[in-house]
Protein backbone atom coordinates (compact mmCIF):
# COMPACT_ATOMS: atom_id res chain seq x y z
CA MET A 1 3.16 21.06 4.90
CA ARG A 2 2.71 17.79 6.60
CA LYS A 3 5.79 15.77 6.28
CA ILE A 4 6.37 12.00 6.40
CA THR A 5 9.98 11.13 6.50
CA LEU A 6 11.41 7.97 5.05
CA ILE A 7 15.01 7.99 4.99
CA PHE A 8 17.54 5.33 4.39
CA ILE A 9 21.25 6.19 4.10
CA ILE A 10 23.33 3.91 2.12
CA THR A 11 26.08 2.20 4.19
CA ALA A 12 28.70 2.75 1.28
CA ILE A 13 30.89 1.80 4.23
CA VAL A 14 34.55 1.46 5.04
CA PHE A 15 35.00 -1.81 3.60
CA LEU A 16 34.11 -0.80 0.14
CA LEU A 17 36.61 1.96 0.43
CA LEU A 18 39.31 -0.53 1.41
CA ALA A 19 38.06 -2.62 -1.43
CA CYS A 20 38.40 0.30 -4.27
CA ASP A 21 41.93 1.19 -2.40
CA PRO A 22 43.64 -2.21 -1.14
CA GLY A 23 46.46 -0.10 0.21
CA ALA A 24 44.24 2.12 2.36
CA VAL A 25 44.59 1.93 6.40
CA PRO A 26 41.24 1.40 7.99
CA GLY A 27 40.26 4.59 9.97
CA PRO A 28 37.71 7.27 10.61
CA PHE A 29 36.60 9.29 7.64
CA GLU A 30 33.89 11.64 6.54
CA SER A 31 31.46 10.14 4.01
CA PRO A 32 27.67 10.78 2.85
CA SER A 33 26.96 7.56 4.56
CA PRO A 34 27.61 6.25 8.26
CA VAL A 35 30.64 4.12 8.70
CA PRO A 36 29.90 1.30 11.08
CA ALA A 37 32.64 -0.79 12.42
CA GLY A 38 33.03 -4.30 10.85
CA THR A 39 35.15 -6.74 8.92
CA PRO A 40 36.06 -5.24 5.54
CA TYR A 41 36.16 -8.38 3.62
CA GLU A 42 34.52 -11.83 3.68
CA THR A 43 38.07 -13.23 2.60
CA GLU A 44 41.49 -11.86 2.89
CA THR A 45 41.01 -11.05 -0.78
CA PRO A 46 40.45 -7.24 -1.20
CA ASP A 47 38.88 -7.78 -4.71
CA GLU A 48 35.52 -9.22 -3.20
CA PRO A 49 33.81 -5.99 -1.68
CA LEU A 50 30.83 -6.54 0.38
CA ILE A 51 27.81 -4.86 -1.00
CA PRO A 52 25.20 -3.90 1.78
CA GLU A 53 21.95 -5.98 1.52
CA PRO A 54 19.09 -4.09 -0.06
CA VAL A 55 16.97 -2.14 2.56
CA VAL A 56 13.16 -1.97 2.46
CA SER A 57 11.43 1.29 3.31
CA SER A 58 9.34 0.98 6.57
CA ASP A 59 6.10 1.35 4.52
CA GLY A 60 7.30 -1.08 1.76
CA THR A 61 7.00 1.41 -1.18
CA TYR A 62 10.60 1.19 -2.06
CA THR A 63 13.89 -0.44 -1.56
CA VAL A 64 17.45 1.03 -1.73
CA GLU A 65 19.71 -0.96 -3.42
CA THR A 66 23.68 -0.63 -3.49
CA HIS A 67 25.43 -0.79 -6.78
CA LEU A 68 29.50 -0.93 -7.72
CA LEU A 69 30.75 -0.21 -10.95
CA CYS A 70 34.50 0.27 -12.01
CA PHE A 71 35.69 2.56 -14.95
CA PRO A 72 36.80 2.25 -17.59
CA ASP A 73 34.72 -0.83 -18.63
CA GLY A 74 36.60 -4.12 -18.19
CA SER A 75 38.50 -2.76 -15.17
CA ASP A 76 38.05 -4.37 -11.68
CA ILE A 77 38.76 -3.24 -8.20
CA SER A 78 42.62 -3.53 -8.41
CA ASN A 79 43.06 -1.64 -11.52
CA ALA A 80 40.06 0.77 -12.09
CA GLU A 81 40.73 4.46 -12.47
CA HIS A 82 37.27 5.28 -10.82
CA VAL A 83 35.25 3.19 -8.59
CA LEU A 84 31.69 4.11 -8.19
CA ILE A 85 29.58 3.01 -5.13
CA TYR A 86 25.70 4.38 -5.30
CA ALA A 87 22.38 3.50 -3.85
CA LEU A 88 19.28 3.89 -5.81
CA PRO A 89 15.79 3.65 -4.49
CA VAL A 90 13.51 1.06 -6.39
CA PHE A 91 9.90 1.83 -6.09
CA SER A 92 7.34 -1.20 -5.72
CA GLU A 93 4.05 -1.60 -7.15
CA GLN A 94 2.57 -0.15 -3.76
CA ASN A 95 3.27 2.86 -5.41
CA ASP A 96 0.96 3.59 -8.10
CA ALA A 97 3.18 5.53 -10.25
CA ALA A 98 6.13 2.96 -9.82
CA ASP A 99 7.39 2.89 -13.25
CA ALA A 100 7.18 6.80 -13.48
CA PHE A 101 9.24 7.11 -10.32
CA ASN A 102 11.82 4.20 -11.39
CA ALA A 103 12.08 5.82 -14.76
CA ASN A 104 13.44 9.37 -13.05
CA VAL A 105 15.64 7.45 -11.06
CA ALA A 106 17.18 5.61 -13.99
CA LEU A 107 17.65 9.20 -15.58
CA TYR A 108 19.74 10.03 -12.77
CA GLU A 109 21.68 6.99 -12.59
CA GLU A 110 22.52 7.47 -16.59
CA GLU A 111 23.48 10.90 -16.02
CA LEU A 112 25.83 10.35 -12.86
CA ILE A 113 27.68 7.38 -14.97
CA ALA A 114 27.72 9.79 -17.80
CA ARG A 115 29.66 12.38 -15.87
CA ILE A 116 32.05 10.03 -14.64
CA THR A 117 32.75 8.14 -18.02
CA GLU A 118 33.34 11.68 -19.64
CA GLN A 119 35.46 12.97 -16.83
CA PRO A 120 38.84 13.51 -18.26
CA GLY A 121 41.73 11.16 -16.68
CA GLU A 122 43.95 12.69 -13.75
CA GLY A 123 47.08 11.13 -14.88
CA SER A 124 48.36 10.83 -11.54
CA GLY A 125 47.58 7.04 -10.94
CA GLU A 126 45.59 7.62 -8.20
CA GLN A 127 42.28 5.82 -7.97
CA LEU A 128 39.31 8.15 -7.63
CA THR A 129 36.28 6.92 -5.59
CA THR A 130 32.62 8.21 -5.70
CA TYR A 131 30.05 7.43 -2.92
CA VAL A 132 26.45 8.21 -3.48
CA ASN A 133 23.93 8.55 -0.72
CA VAL A 134 20.18 8.59 -1.09
CA GLU A 135 17.39 10.03 0.96
CA VAL A 136 13.73 9.80 0.14
CA THR A 137 11.05 12.23 2.05
CA LYS A 138 7.53 12.47 1.38
CA VAL A 139 5.97 15.96 2.01
CA THR A 140 2.16 16.07 1.49
CA ASP A 141 1.52 14.14 -1.95
CA TYR A 142 5.22 14.87 -3.20
CA THR A 143 8.19 12.82 -2.92
CA ASN A 144 11.77 14.19 -2.51
CA ILE A 145 14.70 11.84 -3.72
CA ILE A 146 17.94 13.56 -2.82
CA PHE A 147 21.22 12.05 -3.93
CA THR A 148 24.46 13.22 -2.02
CA GLU A 149 27.68 12.49 -4.08
CA GLU A 150 31.16 12.42 -2.53
CA THR A 151 34.38 12.05 -4.80
CA ARG A 152 37.65 11.33 -3.37
CA LYS A 153 40.73 12.49 -5.43
CA GLY A 154 43.64 11.83 -3.22
CA ALA A 155 43.41 14.27 -0.34
CA GLN A 156 40.78 16.28 -2.08
CA THR A 157 37.08 15.51 -1.67
CA LEU A 158 34.43 16.99 -3.84
CA HIS A 159 30.71 16.88 -2.98
CA HIS A 160 27.50 17.47 -5.32
CA LYS A 161 23.93 17.13 -4.39
CA TYR A 162 21.15 16.39 -6.81
CA ALA A 163 17.46 16.24 -6.05
CA LEU A 164 14.36 14.88 -7.78
CA VAL A 165 11.01 16.34 -6.60
CA LEU A 166 8.10 14.15 -8.00
CA SER A 167 4.40 14.53 -8.04
CA PRO A 168 1.96 11.61 -6.96
CA ASP A 169 1.96 10.78 -10.60
CA GLY A 170 5.85 10.31 -11.08
CA ASP A 171 6.24 13.53 -12.90
CA GLU A 172 9.46 15.43 -12.27
CA MET A 173 8.62 18.84 -10.79
CA SER A 174 10.62 22.15 -11.18
CA LEU A 175 10.56 24.91 -8.61
CA ALA A 176 8.61 26.92 -11.26
CA LYS A 177 6.12 24.11 -12.26
CA ILE A 178 5.06 23.10 -8.49
CA THR A 179 4.68 26.80 -7.49
CA GLY A 180 3.10 28.02 -10.66
CA ILE A 181 5.47 30.87 -11.03
CA TYR A 182 6.58 31.68 -14.38
CA ASP A 183 9.58 33.55 -13.32
CA ALA A 184 10.45 31.43 -10.32
CA ASP A 185 14.15 31.47 -10.99
CA VAL A 186 14.19 35.60 -11.06
CA LEU A 187 12.18 35.57 -7.86
CA VAL A 188 14.01 32.77 -5.77
CA ALA A 189 17.35 34.42 -7.09
CA GLN A 190 16.17 37.62 -5.75
CA LEU A 191 15.28 36.18 -2.28
CA ILE A 192 18.52 34.34 -2.05
CA TRP A 193 20.39 37.50 -2.71
CA ASN A 194 18.60 39.68 -0.38
CA ARG A 195 19.90 37.38 2.48
CA MET A 196 23.17 37.23 1.19
CA ASN A 197 23.62 40.89 0.47
CA ALA A 198 25.41 41.56 3.71
CA PHE A 199 28.17 39.54 2.50
CA GLY A 200 29.02 41.57 -0.49
CA GLY A 201 30.80 40.55 -3.55
CA ILE A 202 27.94 38.32 -4.85
CA THR A 203 25.51 39.85 -7.33
CA ARG A 204 21.89 38.70 -8.13
CA ASP A 205 23.10 37.59 -11.45
CA THR A 206 25.60 35.62 -9.81
CA VAL A 207 22.75 33.62 -7.71
CA LEU A 208 20.38 33.27 -10.51
CA GLN A 209 23.29 31.64 -12.94
CA ALA A 210 24.19 29.28 -10.01
CA LEU A 211 20.30 28.56 -9.24
CA ASP A 212 19.13 25.09 -10.49
CA ILE A 213 15.27 25.04 -10.40
CA TYR A 214 15.16 21.54 -11.78
CA ASN A 215 17.41 19.49 -9.52
CA GLY A 216 18.55 22.16 -6.94
CA PHE A 217 15.69 22.35 -4.62
CA TYR A 218 13.40 19.95 -2.37
CA LEU A 219 10.26 20.46 -0.51
CA THR A 220 10.01 21.07 3.55
CA GLU A 221 7.28 21.38 5.82
CA THR A 222 7.06 24.87 5.42
CA GLY A 223 8.02 25.33 1.59
CA TYR A 224 11.17 24.92 -0.22
CA ALA A 225 14.93 24.47 0.44
CA VAL A 226 17.31 25.66 -2.25
CA PHE A 227 21.02 24.54 -2.33
CA PHE A 228 24.15 24.99 -3.87
CA ASP A 229 27.20 22.85 -3.93
CA PRO A 230 30.45 23.70 -1.86
CA GLY A 231 32.43 26.40 -3.58
CA VAL A 232 29.60 27.75 -5.70
CA LEU A 233 28.55 30.79 -3.66
CA TYR A 234 30.90 30.49 -0.46
CA GLU A 235 34.20 28.92 0.05
CA ALA A 236 34.31 25.12 -0.34
CA GLY A 237 35.26 24.67 3.19
CA GLU A 238 31.88 25.90 4.42
CA GLY A 239 30.02 23.09 2.79
CA PHE A 240 26.43 22.92 1.15
CA LYS A 241 24.56 26.02 1.28
CA VAL A 242 20.93 25.75 1.94
CA PHE A 243 18.46 28.58 1.78
CA GLU A 244 14.84 27.77 3.27
CA LEU A 245 12.10 29.82 1.62
CA SER A 246 8.44 29.69 2.78
CA GLU A 247 5.68 29.43 0.84
CA THR A 248 4.37 32.92 1.44
CA GLU A 249 7.74 34.36 0.12
CA ILE A 250 7.50 32.59 -3.15
CA TYR A 251 3.53 32.42 -3.95
CA PRO A 252 1.80 35.67 -5.12
CA SER A 253 1.41 38.48 -2.68
CA PHE A 254 -2.24 37.74 -2.02
CA VAL A 255 -1.73 34.27 -0.84
CA GLY A 256 -2.02 33.98 2.83
CA ASP A 257 -4.28 37.07 2.95
CA VAL A 258 -7.17 36.69 0.38
CA LEU A 259 -6.44 33.09 -0.08
CA SER A 260 -4.81 30.61 2.44
CA VAL A 261 -1.53 28.71 1.24
CA GLU A 262 -3.47 25.47 1.32
CA SER A 263 -6.23 26.83 -0.91
CA TYR A 264 -4.03 28.30 -3.20
CA ARG A 265 -1.98 25.33 -3.70
CA GLU A 266 -4.99 22.75 -3.98
CA LEU A 267 -6.66 24.87 -6.43
CA LEU A 268 -3.62 25.53 -8.83
CA PRO A 269 -4.38 21.92 -10.50
CA VAL A 270 -8.01 22.44 -10.82
CA PHE A 271 -7.22 25.69 -12.66
CA SER A 272 -5.02 23.80 -14.84
CA ARG A 273 -7.38 21.29 -15.79
CA LEU A 274 -10.15 23.67 -16.33
CA ALA A 275 -7.85 25.97 -18.64
CA ALA A 276 -7.07 22.79 -20.81
CA ALA A 277 -11.13 22.23 -21.18
CA THR A 278 -12.17 25.53 -21.69
CA LEU A 279 -9.32 26.71 -24.27
CA VAL A 280 -10.40 24.15 -26.80
CA ASN A 281 -13.09 26.45 -27.78
CA PHE A 282 -12.10 29.56 -25.91
CA GLU A 283 -15.09 29.05 -23.51
CA SER A 284 -16.17 31.09 -20.91
CA PHE A 285 -19.18 30.25 -18.16
CA ASP A 286 -21.31 31.90 -15.50
CA THR A 287 -22.32 28.95 -13.02
CA VAL A 288 -22.51 26.13 -15.64
CA PRO A 289 -19.66 25.21 -17.99
CA SER A 290 -20.78 23.56 -21.08
CA PRO A 291 -21.47 19.92 -21.53
CA PHE A 292 -18.23 19.67 -23.29
CA VAL A 293 -16.22 21.54 -20.91
CA SER A 294 -18.00 19.65 -17.89
CA ALA A 295 -17.06 16.33 -19.60
CA VAL A 296 -13.54 17.12 -20.21
CA PHE A 297 -12.85 18.29 -16.79
CA ILE A 298 -14.58 15.63 -14.82
CA ALA A 299 -12.82 12.88 -17.13
CA ASP A 300 -9.29 14.60 -16.46
CA THR A 301 -10.18 15.04 -12.81
CA LEU A 302 -11.20 11.29 -12.01
CA SER A 303 -8.12 10.27 -14.12
CA GLU A 304 -5.81 12.44 -12.24
CA ASP A 305 -7.20 11.13 -8.98
CA ALA A 306 -6.99 7.60 -9.77
CA GLY A 307 -3.33 7.67 -11.01
CA PRO A 308 -1.36 6.03 -13.93
CA SER A 309 -2.14 2.30 -12.54
CA LYS A 310 -5.68 2.93 -13.53
CA TYR A 311 -5.27 4.41 -16.93
CA GLY A 312 -7.25 2.46 -19.35
CA THR A 313 -9.82 1.32 -16.95
CA ARG A 314 -13.60 2.40 -16.74
CA LEU A 315 -15.55 4.10 -13.74
CA GLN A 316 -19.10 3.86 -13.27
CA LEU A 317 -20.97 6.76 -11.73
CA THR A 318 -24.85 7.20 -11.12
CA ARG A 319 -26.33 10.47 -11.92
CA GLU A 320 -26.39 11.48 -8.51
CA ASP A 321 -22.81 10.63 -7.97
CA MET A 322 -21.86 12.45 -11.05
CA ASP A 323 -24.00 15.46 -10.04
CA GLU A 324 -22.31 15.45 -6.27
CA LEU A 325 -18.82 15.22 -7.95
CA PHE A 326 -19.72 18.13 -10.25
CA ARG A 327 -20.97 20.25 -7.38
CA SER A 328 -17.75 19.98 -5.32
CA TYR A 329 -16.00 21.92 -8.02
CA PHE A 330 -18.80 24.15 -9.49
CA SER A 331 -22.03 26.38 -8.34
CA ALA A 332 -24.06 24.48 -10.57
CA GLY A 333 -26.61 22.18 -9.21
CA GLN A 334 -26.03 19.36 -11.56
CA PHE A 335 -23.94 17.97 -14.24
CA PRO A 336 -24.97 19.15 -17.58
CA GLY A 337 -24.72 15.76 -19.12
CA ALA A 338 -22.39 13.85 -21.50
CA ASP A 339 -21.22 15.53 -24.91
CA SER A 340 -20.59 13.18 -28.04
CA ALA A 341 -17.37 15.25 -28.57
CA VAL A 342 -15.81 13.84 -25.49
CA PRO A 343 -15.98 9.76 -25.92
CA SER A 344 -14.22 9.33 -22.58
CA VAL A 345 -17.74 10.16 -21.00
CA LYS A 346 -20.65 8.26 -21.95
CA GLU A 347 -24.23 8.12 -20.33
CA GLU A 348 -26.69 5.11 -21.00
CA ASN A 349 -29.79 4.64 -18.85
CA GLY A 350 -28.92 7.37 -16.06
CA LEU A 351 -25.33 5.67 -15.61
CA TYR A 352 -22.09 7.30 -16.49
CA THR A 353 -19.03 5.49 -17.72
CA VAL A 354 -15.70 7.27 -17.43
CA GLU A 355 -12.69 5.95 -19.34
CA LEU A 356 -9.51 7.09 -17.31
CA SER A 357 -6.40 7.90 -19.13
CA GLU A 358 -3.41 9.82 -19.24
CA VAL A 359 -3.97 13.34 -19.16
CA SER A 360 -1.75 16.49 -20.26
CA HIS A 361 -2.23 19.84 -18.71
CA PRO A 362 -0.31 22.43 -20.67
CA PHE A 363 -1.92 25.59 -19.34
CA SER A 364 -1.45 27.13 -15.97
CA ILE A 365 -2.35 30.62 -14.66
CA GLU A 366 -0.17 33.30 -13.65
CA PHE A 367 -2.09 35.51 -11.24
CA THR A 368 -1.43 39.43 -11.14
CA ASP A 369 -4.39 40.53 -8.56
CA ALA A 370 -6.88 38.96 -6.07
CA LYS A 371 -9.71 40.83 -4.02
CA ARG A 372 -12.26 39.36 -1.56
CA GLU A 373 -15.99 40.44 -1.89
CA ASN A 374 -18.04 39.03 0.97
CA ASN A 375 -17.95 35.30 0.42
CA THR A 376 -16.32 35.36 -3.00
CA VAL A 377 -12.71 35.67 -4.21
CA VAL A 378 -11.94 37.18 -7.60
CA LEU A 379 -8.76 36.38 -9.37
CA THR A 380 -7.27 38.09 -12.26
CA GLY A 381 -4.54 36.97 -14.07
CA ASN A 382 -3.07 35.34 -17.33
CA ILE A 383 -3.51 31.77 -18.89
CA MET A 384 -0.18 30.67 -19.86
CA PHE A 385 0.79 27.82 -22.24
CA GLY A 386 3.81 25.73 -21.28
CA THR A 387 5.57 24.72 -18.45
CA PRO A 388 6.37 27.47 -16.04
CA GLY A 389 10.04 28.42 -16.16
CA THR A 390 10.88 27.23 -19.66
CA GLN A 391 11.29 29.32 -22.68
CA ASP A 392 8.39 27.74 -24.32
CA ALA A 393 5.91 29.35 -21.90
CA ARG A 394 3.87 31.96 -23.45
CA PHE A 395 0.89 34.04 -22.95
CA VAL A 396 -2.47 32.65 -24.21
CA SER A 397 -5.34 35.02 -22.81
CA GLY A 398 -6.39 36.73 -19.74
CA ILE A 399 -8.60 35.37 -17.15
CA ILE A 400 -11.10 36.42 -14.38
CA ILE A 401 -12.07 33.67 -11.89
CA THR A 402 -14.78 33.93 -9.29
CA LEU A 403 -14.64 31.56 -6.51
CA ALA A 404 -17.36 30.95 -3.68
CA GLN A 405 -16.65 29.42 -0.49
CA ALA A 406 -18.50 26.16 0.00
CA GLN A 407 -17.98 23.38 2.72
CA HIS A 408 -18.51 20.60 0.28
CA ALA A 409 -15.76 21.90 -2.15
CA ALA A 410 -13.27 19.22 -3.29
CA ALA A 411 -10.20 21.71 -3.47
CA GLY A 412 -9.27 24.48 -1.27
CA GLY A 413 -12.74 25.22 0.21
CA TYR A 414 -13.94 26.94 -2.85
CA ILE A 415 -15.94 26.24 -5.98
CA ILE A 416 -15.81 28.08 -9.34
CA GLN A 417 -18.62 30.37 -9.70
CA SER A 418 -17.56 32.00 -13.10
CA TRP A 419 -14.61 31.81 -15.37
CA MET A 420 -14.35 34.51 -17.93
CA ILE A 421 -11.70 34.41 -20.54
CA THR A 422 -10.48 38.02 -21.53
CA LYS A 423 -8.31 38.78 -24.60
């Protein structure tokens, strides 16, 4: 995976620590954030901590802002039981899905504050201080937002990591959803346990219970990194444990052989859109999908490509443009025409108007086999309803997909030659 790294590490710096603990003595310490030298206060009064100025990313797509809160409500630096100093990225309108990105960050902020407010008092009179550092990285079309928390309780320090992996549309991705593997937790736990087995004393079930496929992983250049907090699977003194898994380890066994990793990854969302279109009437096709399936698929494809900022707008395409777009996904020569049952696609005087809207893709494919036949690839699997890795996921039907190699293909170097739904 191509990776563009945009990292901003909040300077939750020493003057903030001093502000939260006026009796502290300046000195070096470990923190999730760098600790530059500097004057801790603008004045000699320790109840006015300096908060770092907002930091804008190099591409201007987000700004990291630092916040300080004291708990319980109504307390201040001098008498707070718990002080929280945390950084959050605020995504700008340069990101088409800024609202969705910021909504996911806001949910993390709510969860973070809830954990602190629900934490029982220690009764020791020592002030607790929590620092939160944020790192934002982009890997292909996905964005990692990784929060690293450090809480100081006297001489004790606790660490916690929380990651958000967001799609280009701002949807939060689980490890199961992004890989299309329905039992991703079981598979990943097995892979990690295989590496840990030499240490003994840890079972696969222990790894499975500790694994968080929603907020315990992030994307890397070659696959996925799964992490565990200090003290979860190893001694706390060993710090965070990170296991990097390649895509070929996680994806079905035919990936990397029958289909390349890139082709598999690019085709997954195509299959999800086509499953949603064909299962309305349980339609199969050979070469040419029905006008209904074709119109639903094209409308969903254009909406997904345009992104949330374009929802509610209309695109106009000539018949030639529509045919060219259609041929980039199917082996048919031309778009079969609009269908009255699909109001988002209309044709008038040889010009198509497509209304873009938010789409839902509740189906995905769980593949069981693949084989190459000359220039075609035949995939066999099951269409599943519901998000992979959730209890709601269930079998809908079997599916056999025949792909043909094509240089003009829009996804993965293949177009769809046939789509056969089986019971």
